[in-house]
Amino acid sequence: MLFANRKNLFRSALAFPAALALSPAAMAEPKTYVIDDEHFSIVFEIMHIGYAPVMGMFRQVEGEFVYGEEARELSSGQLVFKSNSVYTNHEKRDDHVRGTDFLSSKKYPEITYTVTDFETTGENTGKVTGDLEMLGQTKPVVLDVTLNKAAVYPFGHEEYTLGISASTTLKRSDWGMTYGLDPAMVGDEVTLRFGFEAIRESGMF
């Protein structure tokens, strides 16, 4: 996933318990984590004429955040992905989705999610509130977030890594994307699911 200046894209403090024992001083100091672009998925699902959902994904996504183990709270952050990287396993449909009926990728090449608030809901779960900017409009979106694992990676880079899942449902019409709603050819509700690993920064990037 090729974005310029990846260190300025996504910064936050993430509120989840640590799975690795650290000294009090180390735990008190927030650390920067970079989303691993080899282990990141954002999948969307939308109904087609009421028969079955069409599923797709965005293949170019980047971000980073600051995780404070002791504070355990999400204070800010931003995620950025390329709208023209949309993929639904159908070339003609992909071109249509990139066009003016849907994502208008030439005019709006990036979609951003900027964190504005966080609420802890469980030992390893929370609700992230943020602003989703798409098609030149910004609307609030709440993500249900789960920390799946926090530990040193068992091979390869062997860095301390977080594994995170998130999901939400939104209405595309809230951003002015109304193609196919009348008649009901394409659904309004879109389900989004995220899954990614994030590596604690140690000079490797």
N, C-alpha and C. Protein backbone atom coordinates (compact mmCIF):
# COMPACT_ATOMS: atom_id res chain seq x y z
N MET A 1 0.85 -1.18 0.00
CA MET A 1 0.00 0.00 0.00
C MET A 1 0.89 1.24 0.00
N LEU A 2 0.87 1.99 -1.06
CA LEU A 2 1.84 3.06 -1.25
C LEU A 2 1.19 4.40 -1.03
N PHE A 3 1.46 5.00 0.14
CA PHE A 3 1.00 6.33 0.46
C PHE A 3 2.22 7.16 0.84
N ALA A 4 2.16 8.45 0.55
CA ALA A 4 3.26 9.34 0.94
C ALA A 4 3.19 9.64 2.42
N ASN A 5 4.34 9.71 3.04
CA ASN A 5 4.49 10.14 4.43
C ASN A 5 3.58 9.38 5.36
N ARG A 6 3.78 8.07 5.45
CA ARG A 6 2.90 7.22 6.24
C ARG A 6 2.87 7.59 7.71
N LYS A 7 3.90 8.31 8.21
CA LYS A 7 3.94 8.63 9.63
C LYS A 7 2.98 9.73 10.03
N ASN A 8 2.36 10.40 9.07
CA ASN A 8 1.45 11.49 9.41
C ASN A 8 -0.01 11.12 9.18
N LEU A 9 -0.30 9.86 8.88
CA LEU A 9 -1.65 9.51 8.48
C LEU A 9 -2.57 9.20 9.66
N PHE A 10 -2.10 8.45 10.65
CA PHE A 10 -3.02 7.96 11.67
C PHE A 10 -2.35 7.98 13.03
N ARG A 11 -2.85 8.81 13.95
CA ARG A 11 -2.28 8.87 15.28
C ARG A 11 -3.39 8.79 16.32
N SER A 12 -3.22 7.91 17.31
CA SER A 12 -4.22 7.80 18.35
C SER A 12 -3.65 7.11 19.57
N ALA A 13 -4.38 7.20 20.68
CA ALA A 13 -4.07 6.41 21.86
C ALA A 13 -5.17 5.38 21.99
N LEU A 14 -4.85 4.09 21.97
CA LEU A 14 -5.84 3.03 21.86
C LEU A 14 -6.09 2.41 23.23
N ALA A 15 -7.36 2.26 23.60
CA ALA A 15 -7.71 1.87 24.95
C ALA A 15 -7.98 0.39 25.07
N PHE A 16 -6.97 -0.39 25.32
CA PHE A 16 -7.15 -1.81 25.54
C PHE A 16 -6.08 -2.30 26.51
N PRO A 17 -6.34 -3.39 27.22
CA PRO A 17 -5.36 -3.91 28.17
C PRO A 17 -4.15 -4.49 27.47
N ALA A 18 -3.02 -4.45 28.13
CA ALA A 18 -1.80 -5.01 27.55
C ALA A 18 -1.74 -6.50 27.79
N ALA A 19 -1.14 -7.21 26.86
CA ALA A 19 -0.94 -8.64 27.03
C ALA A 19 0.53 -8.95 27.30
N LEU A 20 1.36 -7.94 27.35
CA LEU A 20 2.78 -8.13 27.58
C LEU A 20 3.19 -7.37 28.83
N ALA A 21 3.89 -8.03 29.74
CA ALA A 21 4.34 -7.37 30.97
C ALA A 21 5.47 -6.40 30.66
N LEU A 22 5.29 -5.15 31.07
CA LEU A 22 6.30 -4.11 30.85
C LEU A 22 6.56 -3.39 32.17
N SER A 23 7.67 -2.69 32.24
CA SER A 23 7.96 -1.89 33.42
C SER A 23 6.95 -0.76 33.53
N PRO A 24 6.68 -0.23 34.73
CA PRO A 24 5.74 0.89 34.87
C PRO A 24 6.11 2.08 34.00
N ALA A 25 7.40 2.38 33.90
CA ALA A 25 7.82 3.53 33.09
C ALA A 25 7.51 3.29 31.62
N ALA A 26 7.77 2.07 31.14
CA ALA A 26 7.50 1.76 29.73
C ALA A 26 6.01 1.78 29.44
N MET A 27 5.21 1.27 30.38
CA MET A 27 3.77 1.25 30.17
C MET A 27 3.18 2.65 30.15
N ALA A 28 3.78 3.57 30.91
CA ALA A 28 3.24 4.92 31.00
C ALA A 28 3.49 5.73 29.74
N GLU A 29 4.47 5.33 28.97
CA GLU A 29 4.84 6.10 27.78
C GLU A 29 4.12 5.55 26.55
N PRO A 30 3.27 6.36 25.90
CA PRO A 30 2.58 5.89 24.69
C PRO A 30 3.58 5.53 23.59
N LYS A 31 3.24 4.52 22.83
CA LYS A 31 4.10 4.05 21.74
C LYS A 31 3.37 4.20 20.41
N THR A 32 4.16 4.42 19.37
CA THR A 32 3.60 4.53 18.02
C THR A 32 3.53 3.16 17.37
N TYR A 33 2.38 2.86 16.79
CA TYR A 33 2.17 1.61 16.05
C TYR A 33 1.80 1.95 14.61
N VAL A 34 2.38 1.20 13.68
CA VAL A 34 2.10 1.38 12.26
C VAL A 34 1.30 0.19 11.77
N ILE A 35 0.18 0.45 11.09
CA ILE A 35 -0.62 -0.63 10.54
C ILE A 35 0.20 -1.39 9.51
N ASP A 36 0.24 -2.70 9.65
CA ASP A 36 0.99 -3.57 8.74
C ASP A 36 0.19 -3.72 7.45
N ASP A 37 0.69 -3.14 6.35
CA ASP A 37 -0.08 -3.16 5.11
C ASP A 37 -0.12 -4.54 4.46
N GLU A 38 0.60 -5.51 5.01
CA GLU A 38 0.49 -6.88 4.53
C GLU A 38 -0.55 -7.67 5.32
N HIS A 39 -1.03 -7.09 6.40
CA HIS A 39 -2.04 -7.75 7.23
C HIS A 39 -3.12 -6.75 7.60
N PHE A 40 -3.78 -6.25 6.58
CA PHE A 40 -4.87 -5.29 6.77
C PHE A 40 -5.96 -5.59 5.76
N SER A 41 -7.21 -5.62 6.22
CA SER A 41 -8.36 -5.79 5.32
C SER A 41 -9.47 -4.83 5.73
N ILE A 42 -10.10 -4.19 4.74
CA ILE A 42 -11.35 -3.48 4.98
C ILE A 42 -12.34 -3.99 3.95
N VAL A 43 -13.37 -4.64 4.43
CA VAL A 43 -14.35 -5.31 3.59
C VAL A 43 -15.70 -4.62 3.74
N PHE A 44 -16.40 -4.44 2.62
CA PHE A 44 -17.75 -3.87 2.69
C PHE A 44 -18.76 -4.84 2.09
N GLU A 45 -20.01 -4.68 2.50
CA GLU A 45 -21.09 -5.55 2.06
C GLU A 45 -22.33 -4.70 1.83
N ILE A 46 -22.98 -4.90 0.66
CA ILE A 46 -24.17 -4.12 0.32
C ILE A 46 -25.12 -5.00 -0.50
N MET A 47 -26.42 -4.88 -0.25
CA MET A 47 -27.40 -5.73 -0.92
C MET A 47 -27.60 -5.32 -2.38
N HIS A 48 -27.79 -6.34 -3.23
CA HIS A 48 -28.05 -6.12 -4.65
C HIS A 48 -29.46 -6.60 -5.00
N ILE A 49 -30.35 -5.65 -5.25
CA ILE A 49 -31.76 -5.88 -5.61
C ILE A 49 -32.46 -6.76 -4.59
N GLY A 50 -31.97 -6.80 -3.36
CA GLY A 50 -32.60 -7.59 -2.32
C GLY A 50 -32.30 -9.07 -2.37
N TYR A 51 -31.55 -9.51 -3.38
CA TYR A 51 -31.29 -10.94 -3.53
C TYR A 51 -30.13 -11.42 -2.66
N ALA A 52 -29.01 -10.78 -2.79
CA ALA A 52 -27.80 -11.23 -2.08
C ALA A 52 -26.84 -10.06 -1.94
N PRO A 53 -25.99 -10.11 -0.93
CA PRO A 53 -25.03 -9.02 -0.77
C PRO A 53 -23.88 -9.12 -1.76
N VAL A 54 -23.44 -7.98 -2.24
CA VAL A 54 -22.18 -7.88 -2.98
C VAL A 54 -21.11 -7.51 -1.97
N MET A 55 -20.00 -8.21 -2.02
CA MET A 55 -18.91 -7.94 -1.09
C MET A 55 -17.70 -7.41 -1.85
N GLY A 56 -16.99 -6.51 -1.23
CA GLY A 56 -15.81 -5.94 -1.85
C GLY A 56 -14.83 -5.48 -0.80
N MET A 57 -13.74 -4.88 -1.25
CA MET A 57 -12.71 -4.44 -0.33
C MET A 57 -11.95 -3.27 -0.92
N PHE A 58 -11.22 -2.58 -0.06
CA PHE A 58 -10.27 -1.56 -0.50
C PHE A 58 -8.87 -2.14 -0.29
N ARG A 59 -8.03 -2.05 -1.32
CA ARG A 59 -6.75 -2.74 -1.30
C ARG A 59 -5.56 -1.83 -0.98
N GLN A 60 -5.81 -0.54 -0.82
CA GLN A 60 -4.74 0.38 -0.44
C GLN A 60 -5.19 1.19 0.77
N VAL A 61 -4.64 0.83 1.91
CA VAL A 61 -5.01 1.46 3.18
C VAL A 61 -3.75 1.64 4.01
N GLU A 62 -3.65 2.75 4.71
CA GLU A 62 -2.53 2.97 5.62
C GLU A 62 -2.97 3.76 6.84
N GLY A 63 -2.19 3.64 7.89
CA GLY A 63 -2.45 4.43 9.08
C GLY A 63 -1.46 4.10 10.17
N GLU A 64 -1.49 4.89 11.20
CA GLU A 64 -0.70 4.61 12.40
C GLU A 64 -1.38 5.25 13.60
N PHE A 65 -1.06 4.76 14.78
CA PHE A 65 -1.68 5.29 15.99
C PHE A 65 -0.70 5.21 17.14
N VAL A 66 -1.00 5.95 18.20
CA VAL A 66 -0.18 5.94 19.41
C VAL A 66 -0.97 5.23 20.50
N TYR A 67 -0.40 4.17 21.04
CA TYR A 67 -1.08 3.33 22.02
C TYR A 67 -0.44 3.51 23.38
N GLY A 68 -1.23 3.98 24.35
CA GLY A 68 -0.76 4.13 25.72
C GLY A 68 -1.31 3.01 26.58
N GLU A 69 -0.45 2.09 26.99
CA GLU A 69 -0.92 0.92 27.73
C GLU A 69 -1.51 1.29 29.07
N GLU A 70 -0.90 2.26 29.76
CA GLU A 70 -1.38 2.62 31.08
C GLU A 70 -2.65 3.46 31.01
N ALA A 71 -2.71 4.40 30.06
CA ALA A 71 -3.87 5.28 29.92
C ALA A 71 -5.09 4.52 29.43
N ARG A 72 -4.91 3.60 28.51
CA ARG A 72 -6.01 2.79 27.99
C ARG A 72 -7.18 3.64 27.50
N GLU A 73 -6.89 4.61 26.65
CA GLU A 73 -7.97 5.39 26.08
C GLU A 73 -7.60 5.88 24.68
N LEU A 74 -8.58 5.95 23.83
CA LEU A 74 -8.38 6.40 22.45
C LEU A 74 -8.71 7.87 22.37
N SER A 75 -7.73 8.69 22.04
CA SER A 75 -7.95 10.14 22.07
C SER A 75 -8.05 10.77 20.69
N SER A 76 -7.31 10.26 19.71
CA SER A 76 -7.36 10.85 18.37
C SER A 76 -6.76 9.87 17.37
N GLY A 77 -7.00 10.13 16.10
CA GLY A 77 -6.41 9.27 15.08
C GLY A 77 -7.00 9.50 13.71
N GLN A 78 -6.34 8.98 12.70
CA GLN A 78 -6.84 9.10 11.34
C GLN A 78 -6.41 7.90 10.51
N LEU A 79 -7.34 7.39 9.73
CA LEU A 79 -7.12 6.29 8.80
C LEU A 79 -7.40 6.80 7.40
N VAL A 80 -6.54 6.46 6.44
CA VAL A 80 -6.68 6.95 5.07
C VAL A 80 -6.60 5.78 4.10
N PHE A 81 -7.52 5.73 3.14
CA PHE A 81 -7.41 4.71 2.10
C PHE A 81 -7.83 5.28 0.75
N LYS A 82 -7.31 4.67 -0.32
CA LYS A 82 -7.52 5.13 -1.68
C LYS A 82 -8.86 4.62 -2.21
N SER A 83 -9.71 5.54 -2.65
CA SER A 83 -11.02 5.13 -3.16
C SER A 83 -10.92 4.34 -4.46
N ASN A 84 -9.88 4.59 -5.26
CA ASN A 84 -9.77 3.86 -6.53
C ASN A 84 -9.19 2.46 -6.36
N SER A 85 -8.88 2.06 -5.11
CA SER A 85 -8.41 0.70 -4.87
C SER A 85 -9.55 -0.26 -4.59
N VAL A 86 -10.80 0.19 -4.76
CA VAL A 86 -11.95 -0.66 -4.51
C VAL A 86 -11.91 -1.88 -5.44
N TYR A 87 -12.31 -3.03 -4.90
CA TYR A 87 -12.25 -4.29 -5.64
C TYR A 87 -13.43 -5.16 -5.25
N THR A 88 -14.21 -5.62 -6.26
CA THR A 88 -15.36 -6.50 -6.01
C THR A 88 -15.32 -7.77 -6.84
N ASN A 89 -14.16 -8.08 -7.42
CA ASN A 89 -13.98 -9.27 -8.24
C ASN A 89 -14.78 -9.22 -9.54
N HIS A 90 -15.04 -8.00 -10.04
CA HIS A 90 -15.77 -7.82 -11.30
C HIS A 90 -15.31 -6.49 -11.89
N GLU A 91 -14.50 -6.54 -12.93
CA GLU A 91 -13.83 -5.35 -13.44
C GLU A 91 -14.80 -4.25 -13.85
N LYS A 92 -15.86 -4.61 -14.57
CA LYS A 92 -16.82 -3.61 -15.03
C LYS A 92 -17.51 -2.94 -13.84
N ARG A 93 -17.88 -3.74 -12.85
CA ARG A 93 -18.52 -3.19 -11.66
C ARG A 93 -17.55 -2.31 -10.88
N ASP A 94 -16.30 -2.74 -10.79
CA ASP A 94 -15.30 -1.92 -10.09
C ASP A 94 -15.16 -0.56 -10.74
N ASP A 95 -15.13 -0.52 -12.07
CA ASP A 95 -15.04 0.76 -12.79
C ASP A 95 -16.26 1.63 -12.50
N HIS A 96 -17.44 0.99 -12.41
CA HIS A 96 -18.66 1.74 -12.11
C HIS A 96 -18.60 2.32 -10.70
N VAL A 97 -18.15 1.52 -9.74
CA VAL A 97 -18.07 1.98 -8.35
C VAL A 97 -17.06 3.13 -8.21
N ARG A 98 -16.00 3.10 -9.00
CA ARG A 98 -15.02 4.19 -8.96
C ARG A 98 -15.54 5.48 -9.60
N GLY A 99 -16.59 5.36 -10.40
CA GLY A 99 -17.11 6.50 -11.15
C GLY A 99 -18.01 7.41 -10.35
N THR A 100 -18.67 8.34 -11.05
CA THR A 100 -19.43 9.40 -10.39
C THR A 100 -20.72 8.92 -9.72
N ASP A 101 -21.22 7.73 -10.08
CA ASP A 101 -22.42 7.22 -9.41
C ASP A 101 -22.15 6.81 -7.97
N PHE A 102 -20.89 6.50 -7.68
CA PHE A 102 -20.56 6.02 -6.34
C PHE A 102 -19.40 6.83 -5.72
N LEU A 103 -18.17 6.40 -5.89
CA LEU A 103 -17.04 6.97 -5.13
C LEU A 103 -16.39 8.19 -5.77
N SER A 104 -16.64 8.44 -7.05
CA SER A 104 -16.01 9.59 -7.73
C SER A 104 -14.52 9.66 -7.42
N SER A 105 -13.82 8.57 -7.71
CA SER A 105 -12.43 8.44 -7.29
C SER A 105 -11.50 9.49 -7.89
N LYS A 106 -11.78 9.95 -9.09
CA LYS A 106 -10.91 10.96 -9.70
C LYS A 106 -10.99 12.28 -8.94
N LYS A 107 -12.18 12.64 -8.51
CA LYS A 107 -12.37 13.90 -7.77
C LYS A 107 -12.02 13.75 -6.30
N TYR A 108 -12.33 12.57 -5.74
CA TYR A 108 -12.08 12.32 -4.31
C TYR A 108 -11.23 11.05 -4.17
N PRO A 109 -9.92 11.17 -4.36
CA PRO A 109 -9.06 9.98 -4.36
C PRO A 109 -8.86 9.33 -3.00
N GLU A 110 -9.15 10.05 -1.92
CA GLU A 110 -8.96 9.49 -0.59
C GLU A 110 -10.23 9.57 0.24
N ILE A 111 -10.40 8.57 1.07
CA ILE A 111 -11.45 8.54 2.08
C ILE A 111 -10.74 8.50 3.43
N THR A 112 -11.18 9.34 4.36
CA THR A 112 -10.49 9.40 5.66
C THR A 112 -11.47 9.18 6.81
N TYR A 113 -10.94 8.57 7.85
CA TYR A 113 -11.69 8.40 9.10
C TYR A 113 -10.86 9.01 10.22
N THR A 114 -11.40 10.03 10.88
CA THR A 114 -10.68 10.75 11.93
C THR A 114 -11.37 10.54 13.27
N VAL A 115 -10.66 10.00 14.22
CA VAL A 115 -11.22 9.68 15.53
C VAL A 115 -11.53 10.95 16.32
N THR A 116 -12.69 10.96 16.97
CA THR A 116 -13.08 12.09 17.81
C THR A 116 -13.37 11.70 19.26
N ASP A 117 -13.66 10.42 19.52
CA ASP A 117 -14.02 10.02 20.89
C ASP A 117 -13.86 8.51 21.02
N PHE A 118 -13.79 8.05 22.27
CA PHE A 118 -13.68 6.62 22.55
C PHE A 118 -14.40 6.29 23.85
N GLU A 119 -15.06 5.14 23.87
CA GLU A 119 -15.75 4.65 25.07
C GLU A 119 -15.39 3.19 25.28
N THR A 120 -14.89 2.86 26.48
CA THR A 120 -14.60 1.48 26.81
C THR A 120 -15.90 0.73 27.10
N THR A 121 -16.04 -0.46 26.52
CA THR A 121 -17.25 -1.25 26.74
C THR A 121 -16.97 -2.60 27.39
N GLY A 122 -15.72 -2.98 27.49
CA GLY A 122 -15.36 -4.26 28.08
C GLY A 122 -13.86 -4.34 28.27
N GLU A 123 -13.40 -5.51 28.72
CA GLU A 123 -11.97 -5.68 29.01
C GLU A 123 -11.11 -5.44 27.78
N ASN A 124 -11.59 -5.85 26.62
CA ASN A 124 -10.80 -5.68 25.40
C ASN A 124 -11.65 -5.14 24.24
N THR A 125 -12.73 -4.41 24.58
CA THR A 125 -13.62 -3.86 23.55
C THR A 125 -13.90 -2.39 23.81
N GLY A 126 -14.32 -1.71 22.77
CA GLY A 126 -14.67 -0.31 22.91
C GLY A 126 -15.46 0.18 21.72
N LYS A 127 -15.96 1.41 21.82
CA LYS A 127 -16.65 2.07 20.72
C LYS A 127 -15.85 3.32 20.35
N VAL A 128 -15.46 3.39 19.10
CA VAL A 128 -14.71 4.53 18.59
C VAL A 128 -15.65 5.40 17.77
N THR A 129 -15.74 6.66 18.12
CA THR A 129 -16.51 7.63 17.33
C THR A 129 -15.54 8.44 16.49
N GLY A 130 -15.88 8.63 15.22
CA GLY A 130 -15.01 9.39 14.35
C GLY A 130 -15.77 10.01 13.20
N ASP A 131 -15.09 10.88 12.47
CA ASP A 131 -15.67 11.54 11.30
C ASP A 131 -15.18 10.84 10.04
N LEU A 132 -16.13 10.36 9.25
CA LEU A 132 -15.80 9.74 7.97
C LEU A 132 -16.02 10.76 6.86
N GLU A 133 -14.92 11.12 6.19
CA GLU A 133 -14.99 12.08 5.08
C GLU A 133 -14.97 11.32 3.76
N MET A 134 -16.04 11.50 2.99
CA MET A 134 -16.19 10.81 1.72
C MET A 134 -17.03 11.69 0.80
N LEU A 135 -16.65 11.77 -0.47
CA LEU A 135 -17.38 12.58 -1.45
C LEU A 135 -17.49 14.04 -1.00
N GLY A 136 -16.50 14.52 -0.28
CA GLY A 136 -16.49 15.91 0.16
C GLY A 136 -17.39 16.21 1.33
N GLN A 137 -18.00 15.18 1.92
CA GLN A 137 -18.88 15.37 3.07
C GLN A 137 -18.35 14.59 4.26
N THR A 138 -18.58 15.12 5.45
CA THR A 138 -18.09 14.49 6.67
C THR A 138 -19.25 14.19 7.60
N LYS A 139 -19.35 12.93 8.01
CA LYS A 139 -20.42 12.48 8.90
C LYS A 139 -19.83 11.61 10.00
N PRO A 140 -20.46 11.60 11.19
CA PRO A 140 -19.96 10.75 12.28
C PRO A 140 -20.27 9.28 12.05
N VAL A 141 -19.33 8.44 12.42
CA VAL A 141 -19.48 6.98 12.32
C VAL A 141 -18.89 6.36 13.58
N VAL A 142 -19.61 5.40 14.16
CA VAL A 142 -19.15 4.70 15.36
C VAL A 142 -18.69 3.29 14.98
N LEU A 143 -17.49 2.94 15.40
CA LEU A 143 -16.94 1.61 15.17
C LEU A 143 -16.97 0.80 16.46
N ASP A 144 -17.39 -0.45 16.37
CA ASP A 144 -17.23 -1.40 17.47
C ASP A 144 -15.86 -2.06 17.30
N VAL A 145 -15.00 -1.91 18.32
CA VAL A 145 -13.61 -2.32 18.18
C VAL A 145 -13.26 -3.38 19.22
N THR A 146 -12.47 -4.37 18.78
CA THR A 146 -12.00 -5.42 19.67
C THR A 146 -10.50 -5.61 19.51
N LEU A 147 -9.79 -5.65 20.64
CA LEU A 147 -8.38 -6.02 20.61
C LEU A 147 -8.30 -7.53 20.71
N ASN A 148 -7.84 -8.19 19.66
CA ASN A 148 -7.77 -9.64 19.64
C ASN A 148 -6.53 -10.18 20.35
N LYS A 149 -5.41 -9.48 20.18
CA LYS A 149 -4.16 -9.95 20.76
C LYS A 149 -3.16 -8.81 20.82
N ALA A 150 -2.32 -8.83 21.86
CA ALA A 150 -1.22 -7.87 21.99
C ALA A 150 -0.02 -8.63 22.51
N ALA A 151 0.99 -8.81 21.66
CA ALA A 151 2.14 -9.63 22.04
C ALA A 151 3.27 -9.44 21.03
N VAL A 152 4.45 -9.93 21.41
CA VAL A 152 5.58 -9.94 20.48
C VAL A 152 5.28 -10.93 19.37
N TYR A 153 5.51 -10.52 18.12
CA TYR A 153 5.25 -11.39 16.97
C TYR A 153 6.17 -12.61 17.03
N PRO A 154 5.65 -13.82 16.74
CA PRO A 154 6.43 -15.04 16.96
C PRO A 154 7.50 -15.32 15.91
N PHE A 155 7.50 -14.58 14.78
CA PHE A 155 8.51 -14.80 13.74
C PHE A 155 8.63 -13.53 12.91
N GLY A 156 9.49 -13.55 11.90
CA GLY A 156 9.62 -12.39 11.03
C GLY A 156 10.19 -11.18 11.75
N HIS A 157 9.41 -10.09 11.79
CA HIS A 157 9.91 -8.85 12.39
C HIS A 157 10.07 -8.94 13.90
N GLU A 158 9.34 -9.86 14.56
CA GLU A 158 9.45 -10.10 16.00
C GLU A 158 9.26 -8.84 16.83
N GLU A 159 8.40 -7.95 16.37
CA GLU A 159 8.08 -6.72 17.09
C GLU A 159 6.79 -6.91 17.89
N TYR A 160 6.61 -6.07 18.89
CA TYR A 160 5.36 -6.08 19.65
C TYR A 160 4.22 -5.63 18.74
N THR A 161 3.17 -6.43 18.66
CA THR A 161 2.13 -6.24 17.65
C THR A 161 0.74 -6.35 18.26
N LEU A 162 -0.15 -5.49 17.80
CA LEU A 162 -1.56 -5.54 18.18
C LEU A 162 -2.38 -6.12 17.04
N GLY A 163 -3.35 -6.96 17.36
CA GLY A 163 -4.30 -7.47 16.37
C GLY A 163 -5.68 -6.93 16.69
N ILE A 164 -6.31 -6.23 15.76
CA ILE A 164 -7.54 -5.48 16.03
C ILE A 164 -8.60 -5.78 14.99
N SER A 165 -9.84 -5.89 15.43
CA SER A 165 -11.01 -6.01 14.55
C SER A 165 -11.97 -4.87 14.85
N ALA A 166 -12.69 -4.42 13.82
CA ALA A 166 -13.68 -3.35 14.00
C ALA A 166 -14.78 -3.51 12.96
N SER A 167 -15.96 -3.00 13.28
CA SER A 167 -17.07 -3.09 12.33
C SER A 167 -18.06 -1.96 12.57
N THR A 168 -18.84 -1.66 11.54
CA THR A 168 -19.90 -0.66 11.64
C THR A 168 -20.86 -0.84 10.48
N THR A 169 -22.01 -0.20 10.57
CA THR A 169 -22.97 -0.14 9.47
C THR A 169 -23.36 1.31 9.27
N LEU A 170 -23.37 1.75 8.01
CA LEU A 170 -23.72 3.14 7.71
C LEU A 170 -24.65 3.19 6.50
N LYS A 171 -25.24 4.36 6.27
CA LYS A 171 -26.07 4.58 5.09
C LYS A 171 -25.30 5.46 4.11
N ARG A 172 -25.07 4.94 2.92
CA ARG A 172 -24.29 5.69 1.93
C ARG A 172 -24.99 6.97 1.50
N SER A 173 -26.31 6.99 1.60
CA SER A 173 -27.06 8.19 1.20
C SER A 173 -26.73 9.38 2.09
N ASP A 174 -26.22 9.13 3.31
CA ASP A 174 -25.83 10.23 4.19
C ASP A 174 -24.69 11.05 3.60
N TRP A 175 -23.94 10.46 2.69
CA TRP A 175 -22.86 11.17 2.00
C TRP A 175 -23.26 11.57 0.57
N GLY A 176 -24.55 11.51 0.28
CA GLY A 176 -25.03 11.92 -1.02
C GLY A 176 -24.90 10.87 -2.10
N MET A 177 -24.61 9.63 -1.74
CA MET A 177 -24.47 8.54 -2.70
C MET A 177 -25.82 7.83 -2.83
N THR A 178 -26.61 8.24 -3.80
CA THR A 178 -28.00 7.79 -3.90
C THR A 178 -28.28 6.93 -5.13
N TYR A 179 -27.28 6.65 -5.94
CA TYR A 179 -27.51 5.85 -7.15
C TYR A 179 -28.11 4.49 -6.79
N GLY A 180 -29.18 4.11 -7.51
CA GLY A 180 -29.78 2.80 -7.35
C GLY A 180 -30.74 2.65 -6.19
N LEU A 181 -31.00 3.74 -5.45
CA LEU A 181 -31.91 3.64 -4.31
C LEU A 181 -33.37 3.63 -4.75
N ASP A 182 -33.69 4.31 -5.83
CA ASP A 182 -35.06 4.37 -6.33
C ASP A 182 -35.05 4.21 -7.85
N PRO A 183 -35.44 3.03 -8.34
CA PRO A 183 -35.91 1.86 -7.59
C PRO A 183 -34.79 1.18 -6.81
N ALA A 184 -35.18 0.27 -5.91
CA ALA A 184 -34.23 -0.33 -4.98
C ALA A 184 -33.36 -1.37 -5.68
N MET A 185 -32.38 -0.89 -6.42
CA MET A 185 -31.45 -1.79 -7.10
C MET A 185 -30.22 -2.07 -6.23
N VAL A 186 -29.76 -1.04 -5.54
CA VAL A 186 -28.58 -1.16 -4.68
C VAL A 186 -28.96 -0.68 -3.29
N GLY A 187 -28.63 -1.45 -2.27
CA GLY A 187 -29.01 -1.10 -0.91
C GLY A 187 -28.39 0.19 -0.42
N ASP A 188 -29.02 0.77 0.59
CA ASP A 188 -28.50 1.98 1.21
C ASP A 188 -27.51 1.64 2.32
N GLU A 189 -27.83 0.62 3.10
CA GLU A 189 -26.97 0.24 4.22
C GLU A 189 -25.72 -0.49 3.73
N VAL A 190 -24.59 -0.07 4.27
CA VAL A 190 -23.30 -0.68 3.95
C VAL A 190 -22.65 -1.15 5.25
N THR A 191 -22.31 -2.42 5.30
CA THR A 191 -21.59 -2.95 6.45
C THR A 191 -20.09 -2.93 6.16
N LEU A 192 -19.32 -2.40 7.09
CA LEU A 192 -17.86 -2.34 6.97
C LEU A 192 -17.23 -3.20 8.06
N ARG A 193 -16.23 -3.97 7.68
CA ARG A 193 -15.48 -4.77 8.64
C ARG A 193 -13.98 -4.56 8.42
N PHE A 194 -13.28 -4.29 9.51
CA PHE A 194 -11.84 -4.07 9.47
C PHE A 194 -11.14 -5.20 10.23
N GLY A 195 -9.96 -5.57 9.77
CA GLY A 195 -9.09 -6.48 10.50
C GLY A 195 -7.65 -6.12 10.19
N PHE A 196 -6.84 -5.88 11.22
CA PHE A 196 -5.46 -5.51 10.92
C PHE A 196 -4.52 -5.81 12.08
N GLU A 197 -3.25 -5.92 11.72
CA GLU A 197 -2.18 -6.00 12.70
C GLU A 197 -1.42 -4.68 12.67
N ALA A 198 -0.98 -4.24 13.83
CA ALA A 198 -0.25 -2.98 13.93
C ALA A 198 1.04 -3.21 14.71
N ILE A 199 2.15 -2.81 14.12
CA ILE A 199 3.47 -3.09 14.66
C ILE A 199 4.00 -1.87 15.42
N ARG A 200 4.48 -2.12 16.62
CA ARG A 200 5.08 -1.02 17.39
C ARG A 200 6.34 -0.53 16.68
N GLU A 201 6.40 0.77 16.49
CA GLU A 201 7.50 1.35 15.72
C GLU A 201 8.81 1.26 16.49
N SER A 202 9.86 0.82 15.78
CA SER A 202 11.18 0.72 16.41
C SER A 202 12.27 1.05 15.41
N GLY A 203 11.96 1.99 14.50
CA GLY A 203 12.94 2.40 13.50
C GLY A 203 12.92 1.55 12.26
N MET A 204 11.95 0.60 12.15
CA MET A 204 11.92 -0.29 10.99
C MET A 204 11.31 0.39 9.78
N PHE A 205 10.56 1.52 9.97
CA PHE A 205 9.93 2.21 8.85
C PHE A 205 10.65 3.52 8.58
